[in-house]
Protein backbone atom coordinates (compact mmCIF):
# COMPACT_ATOMS: atom_id res chain seq x y z
CA UNK A 1 -6.33 -5.26 -10.83
CA UNK A 2 -7.48 -4.34 -7.35
CA UNK A 3 -5.91 -2.34 -4.63
CA UNK A 4 -6.34 -1.24 -0.74
CA UNK A 5 -8.37 -2.34 1.81
CA UNK A 6 -12.13 -2.65 2.18
CA UNK A 7 -13.82 -3.44 5.53
CA UNK A 8 -16.49 -5.77 4.72
CA UNK A 9 -19.39 -7.69 6.43
CA UNK A 10 -21.16 -10.85 6.19
CA UNK A 11 -24.92 -11.17 5.80
CA UNK A 12 -26.66 -13.80 8.07
CA UNK A 13 -26.20 -16.74 5.44
CA UNK A 14 -22.36 -15.98 5.82
CA UNK A 15 -21.80 -14.87 2.25
CA UNK A 16 -19.45 -11.72 1.17
CA UNK A 17 -20.92 -9.09 -0.87
CA UNK A 18 -18.51 -7.52 -3.40
CA UNK A 19 -18.69 -4.02 -3.73
CA UNK A 20 -20.38 -2.66 -6.71
CA UNK A 21 -17.59 -0.72 -8.00
CA UNK A 22 -15.71 -4.02 -8.54
CA UNK A 23 -18.00 -6.37 -9.60
CA UNK A 24 -18.31 -6.50 -13.06
CA UNK A 25 -14.21 -6.38 -13.41
CA UNK A 26 -14.10 -9.61 -10.85
CA UNK A 27 -16.66 -11.32 -12.83
CA UNK A 28 -14.75 -11.30 -16.01
CA UNK A 29 -11.48 -11.81 -14.69
CA UNK A 30 -12.51 -14.48 -12.35
CA UNK A 31 -15.00 -16.47 -14.92
CA UNK A 32 -16.98 -16.52 -11.98
CA UNK A 33 -14.68 -18.54 -9.72
CA UNK A 34 -12.79 -16.62 -6.82
CA UNK A 35 -10.22 -17.99 -4.30
CA UNK A 36 -10.26 -16.85 -0.77
CA UNK A 37 -7.34 -17.02 1.63
CA UNK A 38 -5.70 -15.63 4.99
CA UNK A 39 -2.93 -13.36 5.19
CA UNK A 40 -0.46 -13.32 8.06
CA UNK A 41 -1.73 -10.30 9.05
CA UNK A 42 -5.20 -11.43 10.20
CA UNK A 43 -6.89 -10.37 6.69
CA UNK A 44 -8.83 -12.17 3.92
CA UNK A 45 -7.31 -11.97 0.37
CA UNK A 46 -9.45 -12.29 -2.31
CA UNK A 47 -8.33 -12.98 -5.88
CA UNK A 48 -9.76 -14.32 -9.33
CA UNK A 49 -9.14 -18.01 -9.71
CA UNK A 50 -6.78 -17.56 -12.74
CA UNK A 51 -4.67 -14.80 -11.09
CA UNK A 52 -4.40 -16.91 -7.97
CA UNK A 53 -2.77 -19.71 -9.92
CA UNK A 54 0.80 -18.21 -10.78
CA UNK A 55 1.15 -17.09 -6.85
CA UNK A 56 -0.27 -20.22 -5.48
CA UNK A 57 2.54 -21.62 -7.53
CA UNK A 58 5.17 -19.54 -6.51
CA UNK A 59 3.97 -20.01 -2.89
CA UNK A 60 4.42 -23.82 -3.59
CA UNK A 61 8.17 -23.25 -5.11
CA UNK A 62 9.63 -21.93 -1.96
CA UNK A 63 11.66 -24.56 0.41
CA UNK A 64 9.53 -26.39 2.86
CA UNK A 65 12.82 -27.02 4.79
CA UNK A 66 12.48 -22.90 5.62
CA UNK A 67 10.52 -22.38 8.47
CA UNK A 68 9.05 -18.74 7.33
CA UNK A 69 8.33 -20.45 3.91
CA UNK A 70 6.53 -23.79 5.27
CA UNK A 71 4.30 -21.12 7.62
CA UNK A 72 3.42 -19.17 4.45
CA UNK A 73 2.45 -22.37 2.60
CA UNK A 74 0.35 -23.40 5.25
CA UNK A 75 -1.40 -20.04 5.43
CA UNK A 76 -1.98 -19.12 1.97
CA UNK A 77 -2.05 -22.32 -0.04
CA UNK A 78 -3.47 -24.77 3.37
CA UNK A 79 -6.39 -22.08 3.66
CA UNK A 80 -7.04 -20.91 -0.07
CA UNK A 81 -10.49 -21.93 -0.70
CA UNK A 82 -12.19 -21.65 -4.35
CA UNK A 83 -15.83 -19.80 -4.17
CA UNK A 84 -18.15 -18.98 -7.16
CA UNK A 85 -19.24 -15.56 -7.56
CA UNK A 86 -22.75 -15.31 -7.58
CA UNK A 87 -25.16 -13.48 -9.68
CA UNK A 88 -25.82 -11.21 -6.55
CA UNK A 89 -21.98 -10.16 -6.49
CA UNK A 90 -21.81 -12.98 -3.27
CA UNK A 91 -19.46 -15.23 -2.40
CA UNK A 92 -19.79 -17.60 0.34
CA UNK A 93 -17.16 -17.76 3.04
CA UNK A 94 -16.29 -21.15 4.20
CA UNK A 95 -15.51 -22.14 7.51
């Protein structure tokens, strides 16, 4: 659905403003629910909740006995947070 990187900032309340060009498509694809998680390269990944579920399932299916797989599980799934998409096109980032 979306590709590329965008530099975003947080407002004083810790909310992330979704770029206007993506808001409508993201709102319809997400059902109003987003999943935010960390990436190993120190960036934030944002998924519509329905798109995140197969990714999460695939990550969780990897062996926990393999150190790189276990590290990815801890990062991607361990840091994943479900957040609602507000009507104004913002999402709160949890600490």
